[in-house]
Amino acid sequence: MKALVCILLLLETFVFVVQQQVDGGLNENEISQQISSEDGRQNPPQTDTLRAEASTIQHCHLCFHDIHAALRELTATVTEQKGNIRALETRLRDAEKAAEQHTFLLEEMNKKNEVTDREIAFSAGLVESGNVDIGPSTTNITLTYRNVFTNIGNAYNPITGIFTAPLKGAYMFKISVYAHGGHSHPANATIMKNEQRVLVAHAQQAQGTLNSSKGVVLILEVGDVVYVRLWSSSKIQDNSDNNHNTFSGFLLFPLK
């Protein structure tokens, strides 16, 4: 704003001088003589005018000096702001790298958890110690295989004898049954899915030992249960040294 005022004052002064030349019909020499002759007078009009013009020019120089100083200050401020912007950009890049690293670590943790969730397998025998005879009974019996060999994922409960699917997938199950021969009491054990009979391991003969084993692949939803049920008329024998009767299962692969 100061610069604009100075420029306007200069133009006004130039116009005034030119007007004086036109109005008075004075040439350059006459103007110089008039100025010289009036130097000694008290408050000469032309001298005051020229002094005012000189003061205006000096004021303009001061304005330009102020503008130059302001420009230097503005340049320093812009330079400082550029430095701040560069520092902010560096911090932003560092934050983006940290976020990417955090996301990568979360993904790796999720992958590890997913692998852990998919590691599901169990195998158990019927007897923890000693010799046991089970059956016959008036009702079907859910067998509890208490001698746990493996229970990765803890999906099998040795107290209830029930396997509960922790995720949807294809699972493999196997059972084995063992008994002493006799016509009156066969060995019949059934793999059950929820309340549905899937298959039967059956063995019966007049004497000696008898055994049977069966396996099946089942598609289970989360929360589906699988267990073994002994028929009411059946009888099996086992001991902790041999573990003739077993129940095993494992996840083949998960399903979406």
Protein backbone atom coordinates (compact mmCIF):
# COMPACT_ATOMS: atom_id res chain seq x y z
CA MET A 1 0.00 0.00 0.00
CA LYS A 2 2.86 2.39 0.85
CA ALA A 3 4.51 1.68 -2.51
CA LEU A 4 1.31 2.53 -4.37
CA VAL A 5 1.01 5.87 -2.51
CA CYS A 6 4.61 6.72 -3.40
CA ILE A 7 4.06 5.99 -7.06
CA LEU A 8 0.92 8.15 -7.10
CA LEU A 9 2.80 11.03 -5.44
CA LEU A 10 5.60 10.80 -8.02
CA LEU A 11 3.08 10.93 -10.87
CA GLU A 12 1.33 13.88 -9.25
CA THR A 13 4.65 15.72 -8.96
CA PHE A 14 5.54 15.04 -12.56
CA VAL A 15 2.18 16.30 -13.74
CA PHE A 16 2.55 19.42 -11.61
CA VAL A 17 5.93 20.31 -13.13
CA VAL A 18 4.68 19.75 -16.66
CA GLN A 19 1.61 21.89 -15.94
CA GLN A 20 3.83 24.68 -14.67
CA GLN A 21 5.80 24.58 -17.90
CA VAL A 22 2.64 24.73 -19.99
CA ASP A 23 0.86 27.41 -17.96
CA GLY A 24 3.86 29.72 -17.52
CA GLY A 25 5.40 29.21 -20.88
CA LEU A 26 8.76 28.84 -19.22
CA ASN A 27 11.59 26.91 -20.72
CA GLU A 28 14.05 24.84 -18.73
CA ASN A 29 16.58 27.66 -18.31
CA GLU A 30 13.96 30.12 -17.11
CA ILE A 31 12.69 27.60 -14.58
CA SER A 32 16.23 27.08 -13.27
CA GLN A 33 16.79 30.86 -13.01
CA GLN A 34 13.50 31.33 -11.21
CA ILE A 35 14.36 28.63 -8.74
CA SER A 36 17.82 30.15 -8.13
CA SER A 37 16.43 33.67 -7.68
CA GLU A 38 13.87 32.57 -5.19
CA ASP A 39 16.27 30.59 -2.92
CA GLY A 40 16.76 33.61 -0.67
CA ARG A 41 13.13 34.56 -0.26
CA GLN A 42 11.06 33.73 2.76
CA ASN A 43 8.72 30.80 1.95
CA PRO A 44 9.09 31.00 -1.89
CA PRO A 45 6.22 29.11 -3.57
CA GLN A 46 8.34 27.34 -6.19
CA THR A 47 11.05 26.44 -3.70
CA ASP A 48 8.48 25.06 -1.28
CA THR A 49 6.99 23.02 -4.07
CA LEU A 50 10.32 21.59 -5.09
CA ARG A 51 11.20 20.89 -1.48
CA ALA A 52 7.88 19.14 -1.07
CA GLU A 53 8.66 17.09 -4.14
CA ALA A 54 12.08 16.21 -2.74
CA SER A 55 10.48 15.25 0.56
CA THR A 56 7.97 13.09 -1.32
CA ILE A 57 10.78 11.39 -3.22
CA GLN A 58 12.65 10.81 0.03
CA HIS A 59 9.47 9.42 1.59
CA CYS A 60 9.09 7.09 -1.40
CA HIS A 61 12.64 5.89 -0.90
CA LEU A 62 11.74 5.16 2.68
CA CYS A 63 8.64 3.33 1.45
CA PHE A 64 10.71 1.23 -0.89
CA HIS A 65 13.10 0.51 1.97
CA ASP A 66 10.16 -0.63 4.12
CA ILE A 67 8.84 -2.75 1.26
CA HIS A 68 12.26 -4.32 0.78
CA ALA A 69 12.50 -5.07 4.50
CA ALA A 70 9.00 -6.52 4.47
CA LEU A 71 9.91 -8.69 1.50
CA ARG A 72 12.99 -9.95 3.32
CA GLU A 73 10.87 -10.75 6.36
CA LEU A 74 8.25 -12.45 4.19
CA THR A 75 10.96 -14.48 2.41
CA ALA A 76 12.35 -15.59 5.76
CA THR A 77 8.84 -16.56 6.91
CA VAL A 78 8.19 -18.52 3.69
CA THR A 79 11.53 -20.30 4.06
CA GLU A 80 10.70 -21.19 7.66
CA GLN A 81 7.25 -22.47 6.63
CA LYS A 82 8.82 -24.56 3.87
CA GLY A 83 11.08 -26.12 6.47
CA ASN A 84 8.10 -26.81 8.70
CA ILE A 85 6.23 -28.38 5.77
CA ARG A 86 9.21 -30.60 4.93
CA ALA A 87 9.44 -31.68 8.58
CA LEU A 88 5.69 -32.39 8.61
CA GLU A 89 5.96 -34.41 5.40
CA THR A 90 8.80 -36.42 6.95
CA ARG A 91 6.73 -37.11 10.05
CA LEU A 92 3.77 -38.09 7.87
CA ARG A 93 5.91 -40.53 5.89
CA ASP A 94 7.24 -42.00 9.14
CA ALA A 95 3.68 -42.34 10.44
CA GLU A 96 2.59 -44.05 7.21
CA LYS A 97 5.51 -46.48 7.47
CA ALA A 98 4.64 -47.19 11.11
CA ALA A 99 1.00 -47.79 10.15
CA GLU A 100 2.05 -50.14 7.35
CA GLN A 101 4.31 -52.03 9.76
CA HIS A 102 1.51 -52.24 12.32
CA THR A 103 -0.89 -53.55 9.66
CA PHE A 104 1.69 -56.11 8.56
CA LEU A 105 2.18 -57.33 12.13
CA LEU A 106 -1.58 -57.61 12.65
CA GLU A 107 -1.92 -59.61 9.43
CA GLU A 108 0.89 -61.92 10.51
CA MET A 109 -0.71 -62.39 13.92
CA ASN A 110 -4.04 -63.14 12.27
CA LYS A 111 -2.35 -65.66 10.01
CA LYS A 112 -0.74 -67.35 13.01
CA ASN A 113 -4.05 -67.39 14.86
CA GLU A 114 -5.74 -68.79 11.80
CA VAL A 115 -3.16 -71.56 11.53
CA THR A 116 -3.62 -72.31 15.23
CA ASP A 117 -7.40 -72.40 14.83
CA ARG A 118 -7.04 -74.85 11.97
CA GLU A 119 -4.86 -77.24 13.95
CA ILE A 120 -7.58 -79.51 15.32
CA ALA A 121 -6.96 -83.16 16.14
CA PHE A 122 -7.70 -85.55 18.96
CA SER A 123 -7.37 -89.22 19.86
CA ALA A 124 -8.44 -90.97 23.04
CA GLY A 125 -8.74 -94.44 24.54
CA LEU A 126 -11.62 -95.69 26.60
CA VAL A 127 -9.82 -96.65 29.82
CA GLU A 128 -7.47 -94.55 31.96
CA SER A 129 -6.41 -97.46 34.19
CA GLY A 130 -7.22 -101.09 34.85
CA ASN A 131 -9.70 -103.35 33.05
CA VAL A 132 -13.23 -102.28 32.19
CA ASP A 133 -16.36 -104.02 30.89
CA ILE A 134 -19.09 -101.75 29.52
CA GLY A 135 -22.60 -103.05 28.73
CA PRO A 136 -25.01 -104.43 28.19
CA SER A 137 -27.48 -101.76 29.31
CA THR A 138 -31.16 -101.01 29.08
CA THR A 139 -30.42 -97.85 27.04
CA ASN A 140 -27.81 -96.71 24.57
CA ILE A 141 -24.67 -95.33 26.24
CA THR A 142 -22.56 -92.39 25.13
CA LEU A 143 -18.97 -93.59 25.52
CA THR A 144 -16.52 -91.30 27.30
CA TYR A 145 -12.97 -91.87 26.09
CA ARG A 146 -11.03 -90.54 29.09
CA ASN A 147 -7.49 -91.65 28.21
CA VAL A 148 -6.60 -88.69 25.98
CA PHE A 149 -3.57 -89.20 23.73
CA THR A 150 -3.94 -85.99 21.73
CA ASN A 151 -6.29 -83.02 21.94
CA ILE A 152 -4.94 -80.23 19.76
CA GLY A 153 -7.39 -77.36 19.79
CA ASN A 154 -9.25 -78.81 22.82
CA ALA A 155 -12.34 -79.51 20.74
CA TYR A 156 -12.81 -82.93 22.38
CA ASN A 157 -14.21 -83.12 25.91
CA PRO A 158 -13.06 -86.27 27.78
CA ILE A 159 -15.68 -85.73 30.49
CA THR A 160 -18.64 -85.95 28.10
CA GLY A 161 -16.99 -87.88 25.26
CA ILE A 162 -18.23 -85.23 22.79
CA PHE A 163 -16.28 -83.47 20.04
CA THR A 164 -17.57 -79.97 19.20
CA ALA A 165 -16.56 -78.41 15.88
CA PRO A 166 -14.86 -75.03 16.46
CA LEU A 167 -15.17 -74.03 12.79
CA LYS A 168 -16.84 -75.16 9.62
CA GLY A 169 -14.89 -77.77 7.72
CA ALA A 170 -14.37 -81.35 6.59
CA TYR A 171 -13.41 -83.67 9.46
CA MET A 172 -12.20 -87.25 9.57
CA PHE A 173 -13.40 -89.53 12.40
CA LYS A 174 -12.49 -93.12 13.29
CA ILE A 175 -13.58 -95.57 15.98
CA SER A 176 -12.43 -99.02 16.97
CA VAL A 177 -14.36 -101.51 19.13
CA TYR A 178 -13.15 -104.63 20.93
CA ALA A 179 -14.94 -107.39 22.86
CA HIS A 180 -14.84 -111.02 23.86
CA GLY A 181 -16.86 -113.42 21.72
CA GLY A 182 -20.41 -114.41 22.65
CA HIS A 183 -23.66 -114.79 20.72
CA SER A 184 -25.77 -112.96 23.22
CA HIS A 185 -23.85 -109.68 23.32
CA PRO A 186 -22.39 -108.28 20.07
CA ALA A 187 -20.13 -105.22 19.93
CA ASN A 188 -22.03 -102.39 18.23
CA ALA A 189 -20.84 -98.80 18.43
CA THR A 190 -22.21 -95.91 16.40
CA ILE A 191 -20.66 -92.61 15.32
CA MET A 192 -23.28 -89.92 15.93
CA LYS A 193 -23.45 -86.45 14.38
CA ASN A 194 -25.68 -84.34 16.58
CA GLU A 195 -28.61 -86.80 17.01
CA GLN A 196 -28.10 -88.51 13.65
CA ARG A 197 -26.61 -91.99 13.34
CA VAL A 198 -23.80 -91.92 10.78
CA LEU A 199 -22.35 -95.46 10.80
CA VAL A 200 -21.99 -98.56 12.95
CA ALA A 201 -18.89 -100.58 13.85
CA HIS A 202 -20.24 -104.11 14.43
CA ALA A 203 -18.60 -107.36 15.48
CA GLN A 204 -20.07 -110.63 16.80
CA GLN A 205 -18.86 -114.22 17.07
CA ALA A 206 -19.29 -117.25 19.33
CA GLN A 207 -15.88 -117.23 20.96
CA GLY A 208 -12.44 -115.60 21.00
CA THR A 209 -11.97 -111.87 20.61
CA LEU A 210 -13.72 -109.66 18.15
CA ASN A 211 -13.09 -106.17 16.94
CA SER A 212 -14.20 -103.71 14.29
CA SER A 213 -13.18 -100.25 13.12
CA LYS A 214 -14.85 -97.66 10.94
CA GLY A 215 -14.03 -94.20 9.64
CA VAL A 216 -15.96 -91.38 7.98
CA VAL A 217 -15.49 -87.83 6.66
CA LEU A 218 -18.13 -85.38 7.87
CA ILE A 219 -18.91 -81.80 6.93
CA LEU A 220 -19.50 -79.95 10.18
CA GLU A 221 -20.79 -76.49 10.92
CA VAL A 222 -19.54 -74.54 13.90
CA GLY A 223 -21.07 -76.09 17.02
CA ASP A 224 -21.91 -79.47 15.49
CA VAL A 225 -21.11 -82.37 17.82
CA VAL A 226 -19.76 -85.85 17.12
CA TYR A 227 -19.65 -88.69 19.66
CA VAL A 228 -19.83 -92.51 19.94
CA ARG A 229 -22.84 -94.37 21.29
CA LEU A 230 -22.82 -98.02 22.42
CA TRP A 231 -26.02 -99.92 21.69
CA SER A 232 -28.03 -101.11 24.66
CA SER A 233 -27.57 -104.84 23.89
CA SER A 234 -23.83 -104.51 23.23
CA LYS A 235 -20.86 -105.21 25.44
CA ILE A 236 -17.19 -104.19 25.06
CA GLN A 237 -14.04 -104.79 27.08
CA ASP A 238 -10.84 -102.77 27.36
CA ASN A 239 -7.76 -102.20 29.51
CA SER A 240 -5.32 -99.32 29.90
CA ASP A 241 -2.37 -101.39 28.64
CA ASN A 242 -3.82 -102.09 25.20
CA ASN A 243 -6.44 -99.40 24.54
CA HIS A 244 -8.52 -101.55 22.21
CA ASN A 245 -11.42 -99.06 21.99
CA THR A 246 -10.48 -95.67 20.58
CA PHE A 247 -12.11 -92.55 19.20
CA SER A 248 -10.13 -90.18 16.97
CA GLY A 249 -10.78 -87.22 14.72
CA PHE A 250 -9.09 -84.31 13.00
CA LEU A 251 -9.79 -81.41 10.65
CA LEU A 252 -8.97 -82.14 7.04
CA PHE A 253 -9.55 -78.56 5.83
CA PRO A 254 -11.81 -75.64 6.72
CA LEU A 255 -14.73 -74.55 4.54
CA LYS A 256 -16.25 -71.13 3.95
